[in-house]
Amino acid sequence: MSKKIATVITDMFEDVEYTDPVKAFKEAGHEVVTIEKEKGNNVTGKQKETTVTIDQGIDDVNPSDFDALFIPGGFSPDMLRADDRFVTFAKHFMDEKKPVFAICHGPQLLITAKTLEGRKATGFKSIQVDMDYAGAKVVDEEVAVCQDQLVTSRQPDDIPAFNREAVRVLNK
C-alpha cells in the first residue's frame, strides 16, 4: 500500500541524503511531499547539486494527512528547528508512533521536539552528545531502528542501510 511521506526540508540540506532516500521511497511506490515555509519556494542543497521545488507550505499541511516523516540531514534540520511550526509538525509523528526517518543532522529536529527520550537512535557524530542529553539511547551504527517506527542513520555512507530499513518500515 502506498504511503504519503512528509519531507521537511529547507536550504543547505545534504543533497544525497535527500535524493537517494526519495528515489528509494518512490521506487517502492510511495509518495513524497516536500514541505517548507512556502509552497513553490526553491531550496538548494549544500553541494549545490540539487534544487527542490516545495510542494506545500507548513501552514497548509496537517500532519494527520501523512503516513510518515522524512528529515534529510545537512544544515536544513538545524534551521527548521528554529521554527516552532516544524517542531510541532515533527512531534506529531513521534507522538502518534508514525514512521520517522532522520539521517545525519535530521535528529536535531527531534531533539528540539523533545521526542528522543528512551529511543534507540543515531545521528552525525557531532550531534550524538546532544542526542544523549536529550535522553536517546545513542548507538554508533549505520542504522538504528527503534520499535519499527524511528529509523536513523549517521552520514551519507549509511544511506543504503537507511533506505533498506525505511522502506521495510513503510512496507509493513
N, C-alpha and C. Protein backbone atom coordinates (compact mmCIF):
# COMPACT_ATOMS: atom_id res chain seq x y z
N MET A 1 0.84 -1.19 0.00
CA MET A 1 0.00 0.00 0.00
C MET A 1 0.88 1.25 0.00
N SER A 2 0.56 2.18 -0.85
CA SER A 2 1.33 3.42 -0.99
C SER A 2 1.16 4.30 0.24
N LYS A 3 2.27 4.83 0.73
CA LYS A 3 2.25 5.73 1.89
C LYS A 3 2.63 7.14 1.43
N LYS A 4 2.10 8.13 2.16
CA LYS A 4 2.36 9.53 1.86
C LYS A 4 3.39 10.03 2.89
N ILE A 5 4.56 10.44 2.40
CA ILE A 5 5.68 10.82 3.26
C ILE A 5 5.89 12.33 3.25
N ALA A 6 5.73 12.95 4.42
CA ALA A 6 6.03 14.37 4.57
C ALA A 6 7.54 14.53 4.67
N THR A 7 8.11 15.40 3.86
CA THR A 7 9.55 15.64 3.88
C THR A 7 9.78 17.10 4.22
N VAL A 8 10.32 17.36 5.43
CA VAL A 8 10.58 18.74 5.84
C VAL A 8 12.01 19.09 5.44
N ILE A 9 12.12 20.18 4.69
CA ILE A 9 13.41 20.49 4.06
C ILE A 9 13.50 21.99 3.81
N THR A 10 14.72 22.52 3.93
CA THR A 10 14.98 23.90 3.54
C THR A 10 16.39 23.96 2.95
N ASP A 11 16.85 25.17 2.64
CA ASP A 11 18.17 25.32 2.02
C ASP A 11 19.26 24.64 2.84
N MET A 12 20.33 24.27 2.16
CA MET A 12 21.53 23.69 2.77
C MET A 12 21.32 22.26 3.28
N PHE A 13 20.31 21.55 2.74
CA PHE A 13 20.18 20.13 3.05
C PHE A 13 21.34 19.40 2.41
N GLU A 14 21.65 18.22 2.91
CA GLU A 14 22.72 17.39 2.32
C GLU A 14 22.13 16.70 1.10
N ASP A 15 22.57 17.09 -0.10
CA ASP A 15 21.94 16.67 -1.36
C ASP A 15 21.61 15.18 -1.41
N VAL A 16 22.62 14.34 -1.25
CA VAL A 16 22.45 12.90 -1.42
C VAL A 16 21.58 12.29 -0.32
N GLU A 17 21.50 12.95 0.84
CA GLU A 17 20.65 12.46 1.92
C GLU A 17 19.18 12.78 1.66
N TYR A 18 18.92 13.59 0.66
CA TYR A 18 17.56 13.82 0.18
C TYR A 18 17.30 12.96 -1.06
N THR A 19 18.16 13.08 -2.06
CA THR A 19 17.88 12.46 -3.36
C THR A 19 17.84 10.93 -3.30
N ASP A 20 18.78 10.30 -2.60
CA ASP A 20 18.82 8.83 -2.57
C ASP A 20 17.62 8.22 -1.85
N PRO A 21 17.28 8.68 -0.63
CA PRO A 21 16.09 8.13 0.01
C PRO A 21 14.80 8.39 -0.78
N VAL A 22 14.66 9.60 -1.33
CA VAL A 22 13.44 9.90 -2.10
C VAL A 22 13.32 8.94 -3.29
N LYS A 23 14.43 8.67 -3.96
CA LYS A 23 14.42 7.72 -5.07
C LYS A 23 13.97 6.34 -4.58
N ALA A 24 14.49 5.90 -3.44
CA ALA A 24 14.12 4.60 -2.88
C ALA A 24 12.63 4.56 -2.50
N PHE A 25 12.14 5.65 -1.89
CA PHE A 25 10.73 5.70 -1.49
C PHE A 25 9.83 5.63 -2.71
N LYS A 26 10.17 6.40 -3.75
CA LYS A 26 9.34 6.43 -4.97
C LYS A 26 9.40 5.09 -5.70
N GLU A 27 10.59 4.48 -5.76
CA GLU A 27 10.72 3.17 -6.41
C GLU A 27 9.90 2.11 -5.69
N ALA A 28 9.70 2.29 -4.38
CA ALA A 28 8.89 1.35 -3.59
C ALA A 28 7.40 1.69 -3.68
N GLY A 29 7.06 2.72 -4.46
CA GLY A 29 5.65 3.05 -4.70
C GLY A 29 5.04 4.07 -3.76
N HIS A 30 5.88 4.78 -3.02
CA HIS A 30 5.37 5.76 -2.05
C HIS A 30 5.43 7.17 -2.61
N GLU A 31 4.60 8.05 -2.03
CA GLU A 31 4.51 9.45 -2.46
C GLU A 31 5.33 10.31 -1.50
N VAL A 32 6.12 11.23 -2.05
CA VAL A 32 6.94 12.13 -1.24
C VAL A 32 6.43 13.56 -1.45
N VAL A 33 6.12 14.24 -0.35
CA VAL A 33 5.63 15.62 -0.40
C VAL A 33 6.64 16.50 0.36
N THR A 34 7.22 17.49 -0.34
CA THR A 34 8.19 18.38 0.30
C THR A 34 7.46 19.55 0.97
N ILE A 35 7.93 19.89 2.17
CA ILE A 35 7.29 20.93 2.97
C ILE A 35 8.37 21.90 3.47
N GLU A 36 8.09 23.20 3.27
CA GLU A 36 8.99 24.25 3.76
C GLU A 36 8.10 25.41 4.18
N LYS A 37 8.64 26.60 4.29
CA LYS A 37 7.84 27.74 4.76
C LYS A 37 6.72 28.10 3.77
N GLU A 38 7.03 28.08 2.47
CA GLU A 38 6.05 28.49 1.45
C GLU A 38 6.04 27.51 0.29
N LYS A 39 4.84 27.17 -0.16
CA LYS A 39 4.69 26.35 -1.36
C LYS A 39 5.33 27.09 -2.54
N GLY A 40 6.02 26.34 -3.42
CA GLY A 40 6.62 26.94 -4.61
C GLY A 40 8.03 27.46 -4.40
N ASN A 41 8.47 27.58 -3.15
CA ASN A 41 9.86 28.00 -2.91
C ASN A 41 10.81 26.99 -3.53
N ASN A 42 11.97 27.45 -3.94
CA ASN A 42 13.03 26.55 -4.39
C ASN A 42 14.10 26.52 -3.31
N VAL A 43 14.46 25.31 -2.87
CA VAL A 43 15.53 25.17 -1.88
C VAL A 43 16.68 24.41 -2.54
N THR A 44 17.89 24.78 -2.14
CA THR A 44 19.08 24.21 -2.79
C THR A 44 19.94 23.49 -1.76
N GLY A 45 20.46 22.34 -2.18
CA GLY A 45 21.32 21.54 -1.31
C GLY A 45 22.65 22.19 -1.06
N LYS A 46 23.32 21.71 -0.02
CA LYS A 46 24.62 22.21 0.41
C LYS A 46 25.67 22.08 -0.69
N GLN A 47 25.60 20.97 -1.44
CA GLN A 47 26.57 20.73 -2.51
C GLN A 47 26.19 21.45 -3.81
N LYS A 48 25.03 22.12 -3.80
CA LYS A 48 24.51 22.85 -4.97
C LYS A 48 24.21 21.91 -6.15
N GLU A 49 24.04 20.61 -5.85
CA GLU A 49 23.75 19.62 -6.91
C GLU A 49 22.25 19.45 -7.11
N THR A 50 21.47 19.84 -6.11
CA THR A 50 20.04 19.56 -6.13
C THR A 50 19.24 20.79 -5.74
N THR A 51 18.23 21.11 -6.55
CA THR A 51 17.26 22.14 -6.19
C THR A 51 15.90 21.46 -6.15
N VAL A 52 15.16 21.75 -5.08
CA VAL A 52 13.85 21.14 -4.87
C VAL A 52 12.80 22.24 -4.85
N THR A 53 11.74 22.05 -5.64
CA THR A 53 10.60 22.97 -5.59
C THR A 53 9.63 22.42 -4.53
N ILE A 54 9.29 23.26 -3.58
CA ILE A 54 8.48 22.85 -2.44
C ILE A 54 7.02 22.64 -2.84
N ASP A 55 6.48 21.48 -2.41
CA ASP A 55 5.09 21.12 -2.73
C ASP A 55 4.07 21.84 -1.86
N GLN A 56 4.39 22.01 -0.57
CA GLN A 56 3.42 22.58 0.37
C GLN A 56 4.11 23.48 1.38
N GLY A 57 3.41 24.53 1.81
CA GLY A 57 3.89 25.37 2.90
C GLY A 57 3.48 24.75 4.22
N ILE A 58 4.25 24.96 5.27
CA ILE A 58 3.98 24.34 6.57
C ILE A 58 2.61 24.74 7.11
N ASP A 59 2.14 25.95 6.80
CA ASP A 59 0.83 26.39 7.30
C ASP A 59 -0.33 25.74 6.53
N ASP A 60 -0.03 25.09 5.42
CA ASP A 60 -1.07 24.49 4.57
C ASP A 60 -1.19 22.99 4.74
N VAL A 61 -0.42 22.40 5.66
CA VAL A 61 -0.45 20.95 5.83
C VAL A 61 -0.87 20.57 7.24
N ASN A 62 -1.46 19.38 7.34
CA ASN A 62 -1.84 18.81 8.62
C ASN A 62 -1.08 17.50 8.75
N PRO A 63 -0.34 17.30 9.83
CA PRO A 63 0.45 16.06 9.96
C PRO A 63 -0.42 14.80 9.91
N SER A 64 -1.68 14.93 10.25
CA SER A 64 -2.59 13.77 10.22
C SER A 64 -2.81 13.24 8.81
N ASP A 65 -2.52 14.08 7.80
CA ASP A 65 -2.72 13.68 6.40
C ASP A 65 -1.56 12.86 5.84
N PHE A 66 -0.53 12.62 6.67
CA PHE A 66 0.66 11.90 6.21
C PHE A 66 0.87 10.62 7.02
N ASP A 67 1.48 9.64 6.35
CA ASP A 67 1.76 8.35 6.98
C ASP A 67 3.13 8.28 7.63
N ALA A 68 4.06 9.14 7.18
CA ALA A 68 5.44 9.07 7.67
C ALA A 68 6.10 10.43 7.51
N LEU A 69 7.24 10.61 8.22
CA LEU A 69 8.01 11.84 8.16
C LEU A 69 9.45 11.51 7.78
N PHE A 70 10.01 12.29 6.85
CA PHE A 70 11.41 12.14 6.44
C PHE A 70 12.12 13.47 6.68
N ILE A 71 13.27 13.39 7.40
CA ILE A 71 14.07 14.57 7.69
C ILE A 71 15.48 14.36 7.14
N PRO A 72 15.78 14.91 5.96
CA PRO A 72 17.14 14.82 5.43
C PRO A 72 18.11 15.64 6.30
N GLY A 73 19.40 15.31 6.21
CA GLY A 73 20.41 16.00 7.00
C GLY A 73 20.93 17.26 6.36
N GLY A 74 22.15 17.64 6.74
CA GLY A 74 22.73 18.91 6.33
C GLY A 74 22.40 19.97 7.36
N PHE A 75 22.42 21.24 6.95
CA PHE A 75 22.09 22.34 7.87
C PHE A 75 20.58 22.55 7.95
N SER A 76 19.84 21.97 7.02
CA SER A 76 18.39 22.15 6.94
C SER A 76 17.67 21.87 8.27
N PRO A 77 17.89 20.71 8.93
CA PRO A 77 17.14 20.44 10.16
C PRO A 77 17.45 21.44 11.28
N ASP A 78 18.67 21.95 11.32
CA ASP A 78 19.02 22.93 12.34
C ASP A 78 18.27 24.24 12.11
N MET A 79 18.11 24.63 10.84
CA MET A 79 17.35 25.84 10.53
C MET A 79 15.86 25.63 10.80
N LEU A 80 15.35 24.46 10.44
CA LEU A 80 13.93 24.19 10.64
C LEU A 80 13.55 24.15 12.11
N ARG A 81 14.46 23.68 12.97
CA ARG A 81 14.09 23.55 14.38
C ARG A 81 13.99 24.89 15.09
N ALA A 82 14.41 25.97 14.44
CA ALA A 82 14.22 27.30 15.00
C ALA A 82 12.79 27.80 14.76
N ASP A 83 12.01 27.06 13.99
CA ASP A 83 10.63 27.43 13.66
C ASP A 83 9.69 26.45 14.36
N ASP A 84 8.94 26.95 15.33
CA ASP A 84 8.07 26.09 16.14
C ASP A 84 7.07 25.28 15.32
N ARG A 85 6.69 25.78 14.16
CA ARG A 85 5.73 25.06 13.33
C ARG A 85 6.30 23.71 12.88
N PHE A 86 7.58 23.68 12.54
CA PHE A 86 8.21 22.44 12.10
C PHE A 86 8.45 21.50 13.28
N VAL A 87 8.76 22.08 14.44
CA VAL A 87 8.97 21.28 15.65
C VAL A 87 7.66 20.57 16.02
N THR A 88 6.57 21.32 16.03
CA THR A 88 5.25 20.76 16.36
C THR A 88 4.85 19.69 15.34
N PHE A 89 5.12 19.96 14.07
CA PHE A 89 4.81 19.02 12.99
C PHE A 89 5.55 17.70 13.21
N ALA A 90 6.86 17.77 13.49
CA ALA A 90 7.67 16.57 13.70
C ALA A 90 7.22 15.82 14.96
N LYS A 91 6.90 16.57 16.00
CA LYS A 91 6.47 15.97 17.27
C LYS A 91 5.23 15.09 17.07
N HIS A 92 4.32 15.51 16.21
CA HIS A 92 3.10 14.74 15.94
C HIS A 92 3.44 13.30 15.51
N PHE A 93 4.38 13.16 14.61
CA PHE A 93 4.73 11.83 14.08
C PHE A 93 5.31 10.94 15.17
N MET A 94 6.16 11.52 16.01
CA MET A 94 6.75 10.75 17.10
C MET A 94 5.68 10.37 18.14
N ASP A 95 4.84 11.34 18.49
CA ASP A 95 3.79 11.09 19.50
C ASP A 95 2.78 10.06 19.02
N GLU A 96 2.48 10.08 17.72
CA GLU A 96 1.48 9.16 17.15
C GLU A 96 2.10 7.82 16.72
N LYS A 97 3.40 7.67 16.95
CA LYS A 97 4.13 6.44 16.60
C LYS A 97 4.07 6.13 15.10
N LYS A 98 4.05 7.21 14.29
CA LYS A 98 4.11 7.03 12.84
C LYS A 98 5.59 6.92 12.46
N PRO A 99 5.90 6.28 11.33
CA PRO A 99 7.30 6.17 10.92
C PRO A 99 7.98 7.52 10.75
N VAL A 100 9.20 7.61 11.30
CA VAL A 100 10.02 8.82 11.18
C VAL A 100 11.40 8.37 10.72
N PHE A 101 11.90 9.00 9.65
CA PHE A 101 13.21 8.67 9.08
C PHE A 101 14.08 9.93 9.14
N ALA A 102 15.16 9.86 9.92
CA ALA A 102 16.03 11.03 10.09
C ALA A 102 17.48 10.60 9.90
N ILE A 103 18.18 11.29 9.02
CA ILE A 103 19.57 10.93 8.73
C ILE A 103 20.49 12.10 9.06
N CYS A 104 21.69 11.76 9.54
CA CYS A 104 22.77 12.71 9.78
C CYS A 104 22.38 13.74 10.84
N HIS A 105 22.11 14.99 10.45
CA HIS A 105 21.68 16.03 11.39
C HIS A 105 20.16 16.07 11.54
N GLY A 106 19.44 15.21 10.83
CA GLY A 106 17.98 15.17 10.92
C GLY A 106 17.44 15.06 12.34
N PRO A 107 18.07 14.23 13.21
CA PRO A 107 17.55 14.11 14.57
C PRO A 107 17.55 15.42 15.38
N GLN A 108 18.25 16.46 14.90
CA GLN A 108 18.21 17.74 15.62
C GLN A 108 16.78 18.25 15.78
N LEU A 109 15.95 18.03 14.76
CA LEU A 109 14.56 18.47 14.83
C LEU A 109 13.82 17.67 15.91
N LEU A 110 14.17 16.40 16.07
CA LEU A 110 13.54 15.54 17.08
C LEU A 110 14.04 15.88 18.48
N ILE A 111 15.29 16.36 18.59
CA ILE A 111 15.81 16.82 19.88
C ILE A 111 14.99 18.02 20.34
N THR A 112 14.79 18.97 19.45
CA THR A 112 14.04 20.18 19.79
C THR A 112 12.59 19.84 20.10
N ALA A 113 12.05 18.83 19.45
CA ALA A 113 10.67 18.39 19.72
C ALA A 113 10.57 17.58 21.01
N LYS A 114 11.72 17.32 21.64
CA LYS A 114 11.78 16.57 22.91
C LYS A 114 11.11 15.20 22.79
N THR A 115 11.47 14.48 21.72
CA THR A 115 10.82 13.19 21.45
C THR A 115 11.79 12.01 21.41
N LEU A 116 13.04 12.21 21.80
CA LEU A 116 14.02 11.12 21.70
C LEU A 116 14.24 10.36 23.00
N GLU A 117 13.66 10.82 24.09
CA GLU A 117 13.90 10.18 25.38
C GLU A 117 13.54 8.70 25.34
N GLY A 118 14.53 7.86 25.72
CA GLY A 118 14.31 6.42 25.76
C GLY A 118 14.35 5.73 24.42
N ARG A 119 14.57 6.48 23.34
CA ARG A 119 14.56 5.90 22.00
C ARG A 119 15.97 5.54 21.55
N LYS A 120 16.11 4.36 20.96
CA LYS A 120 17.39 3.97 20.34
C LYS A 120 17.50 4.77 19.05
N ALA A 121 18.64 5.46 18.88
CA ALA A 121 18.80 6.30 17.69
C ALA A 121 20.28 6.57 17.46
N THR A 122 20.57 7.07 16.26
CA THR A 122 21.91 7.53 15.93
C THR A 122 21.80 8.80 15.11
N GLY A 123 22.93 9.44 14.89
CA GLY A 123 22.98 10.67 14.10
C GLY A 123 24.43 10.98 13.81
N PHE A 124 24.65 12.09 13.15
CA PHE A 124 26.02 12.51 12.82
C PHE A 124 26.82 12.62 14.11
N LYS A 125 28.10 12.27 14.04
CA LYS A 125 28.96 12.23 15.24
C LYS A 125 28.84 13.48 16.10
N SER A 126 28.81 14.65 15.48
CA SER A 126 28.81 15.90 16.24
C SER A 126 27.51 16.16 17.00
N ILE A 127 26.42 15.45 16.68
CA ILE A 127 25.16 15.67 17.41
C ILE A 127 24.85 14.51 18.35
N GLN A 128 25.69 13.46 18.37
CA GLN A 128 25.40 12.31 19.22
C GLN A 128 25.36 12.69 20.70
N VAL A 129 26.22 13.61 21.13
CA VAL A 129 26.19 14.03 22.53
C VAL A 129 24.90 14.80 22.84
N ASP A 130 24.42 15.59 21.88
CA ASP A 130 23.15 16.30 22.06
C ASP A 130 22.00 15.31 22.16
N MET A 131 22.06 14.27 21.34
CA MET A 131 21.03 13.24 21.39
C MET A 131 21.05 12.53 22.75
N ASP A 132 22.27 12.29 23.26
CA ASP A 132 22.42 11.66 24.56
C ASP A 132 21.79 12.55 25.65
N TYR A 133 22.09 13.84 25.62
CA TYR A 133 21.49 14.76 26.59
C TYR A 133 19.96 14.80 26.47
N ALA A 134 19.45 14.56 25.27
CA ALA A 134 18.01 14.55 25.04
C ALA A 134 17.37 13.24 25.50
N GLY A 135 18.21 12.31 26.01
CA GLY A 135 17.67 11.07 26.56
C GLY A 135 17.63 9.90 25.62
N ALA A 136 18.18 10.07 24.42
CA ALA A 136 18.20 8.96 23.46
C ALA A 136 19.22 7.91 23.90
N LYS A 137 18.95 6.66 23.52
CA LYS A 137 19.94 5.59 23.69
C LYS A 137 20.75 5.58 22.40
N VAL A 138 21.85 6.33 22.40
CA VAL A 138 22.62 6.56 21.18
C VAL A 138 23.52 5.37 20.87
N VAL A 139 23.46 4.92 19.63
CA VAL A 139 24.33 3.86 19.14
C VAL A 139 25.14 4.41 17.96
N ASP A 140 26.35 3.90 17.80
CA ASP A 140 27.19 4.31 16.68
C ASP A 140 27.14 3.19 15.64
N GLU A 141 26.04 3.11 14.91
CA GLU A 141 25.80 2.07 13.91
C GLU A 141 25.27 2.72 12.64
N GLU A 142 25.40 2.01 11.51
CA GLU A 142 24.98 2.61 10.24
C GLU A 142 23.48 2.90 10.20
N VAL A 143 22.71 2.12 10.92
CA VAL A 143 21.27 2.40 11.01
C VAL A 143 20.77 1.91 12.36
N ALA A 144 19.93 2.71 12.97
CA ALA A 144 19.28 2.33 14.23
C ALA A 144 17.78 2.33 13.98
N VAL A 145 17.12 1.24 14.36
CA VAL A 145 15.67 1.13 14.20
C VAL A 145 15.08 0.95 15.59
N CYS A 146 14.16 1.84 15.98
CA CYS A 146 13.53 1.79 17.29
C CYS A 146 12.04 1.49 17.12
N GLN A 147 11.61 0.37 17.68
CA GLN A 147 10.19 -0.03 17.69
C GLN A 147 9.56 -0.04 16.30
N ASP A 148 10.35 -0.36 15.28
CA ASP A 148 9.86 -0.36 13.90
C ASP A 148 9.12 0.93 13.55
N GLN A 149 9.61 2.04 14.15
CA GLN A 149 8.98 3.34 13.88
C GLN A 149 10.03 4.39 13.55
N LEU A 150 11.07 4.50 14.36
CA LEU A 150 12.09 5.52 14.17
C LEU A 150 13.31 4.88 13.52
N VAL A 151 13.68 5.41 12.33
CA VAL A 151 14.86 4.92 11.61
C VAL A 151 15.84 6.09 11.49
N THR A 152 17.06 5.90 12.03
CA THR A 152 18.06 6.97 11.99
C THR A 152 19.39 6.42 11.47
N SER A 153 20.15 7.29 10.81
CA SER A 153 21.49 6.95 10.33
C SER A 153 22.42 8.14 10.55
N ARG A 154 23.74 7.86 10.42
CA ARG A 154 24.75 8.84 10.80
C ARG A 154 25.20 9.77 9.68
N GLN A 155 25.31 9.26 8.44
CA GLN A 155 26.04 10.00 7.40
C GLN A 155 25.73 9.41 6.03
N PRO A 156 26.20 10.08 4.96
CA PRO A 156 25.91 9.59 3.61
C PRO A 156 26.33 8.13 3.36
N ASP A 157 27.42 7.68 3.95
CA ASP A 157 27.85 6.29 3.75
C ASP A 157 26.80 5.28 4.22
N ASP A 158 25.93 5.71 5.14
CA ASP A 158 24.92 4.82 5.73
C ASP A 158 23.64 4.76 4.90
N ILE A 159 23.56 5.52 3.81
CA ILE A 159 22.31 5.63 3.05
C ILE A 159 21.75 4.28 2.60
N PRO A 160 22.55 3.34 2.08
CA PRO A 160 21.95 2.06 1.66
C PRO A 160 21.21 1.35 2.81
N ALA A 161 21.80 1.33 4.00
CA ALA A 161 21.15 0.69 5.16
C ALA A 161 19.93 1.51 5.59
N PHE A 162 20.05 2.83 5.57
CA PHE A 162 18.94 3.72 5.93
C PHE A 162 17.75 3.48 5.01
N ASN A 163 18.02 3.47 3.70
CA ASN A 163 16.94 3.26 2.72
C ASN A 163 16.29 1.90 2.90
N ARG A 164 17.11 0.86 3.09
CA ARG A 164 16.59 -0.50 3.25
C ARG A 164 15.62 -0.57 4.43
N GLU A 165 16.03 -0.02 5.58
CA GLU A 165 15.19 -0.10 6.78
C GLU A 165 13.97 0.82 6.69
N ALA A 166 14.13 2.00 6.11
CA ALA A 166 13.00 2.92 5.98
C ALA A 166 11.94 2.32 5.07
N VAL A 167 12.36 1.75 3.95
CA VAL A 167 11.39 1.14 3.02
C VAL A 167 10.74 -0.09 3.67
N ARG A 168 11.50 -0.85 4.44
CA ARG A 168 10.94 -2.01 5.13
C ARG A 168 9.83 -1.57 6.09
N VAL A 169 10.10 -0.50 6.86
CA VAL A 169 9.11 0.01 7.81
C VAL A 169 7.87 0.53 7.07
N LEU A 170 8.08 1.23 5.96
CA LEU A 170 6.95 1.73 5.17
C LEU A 170 6.09 0.61 4.61
N ASN A 171 6.73 -0.48 4.23
CA ASN A 171 6.01 -1.57 3.56
C ASN A 171 5.33 -2.54 4.51
N LYS A 172 5.55 -2.37 5.81
CA LYS A 172 4.96 -3.36 6.74
C LYS A 172 3.50 -3.07 7.03
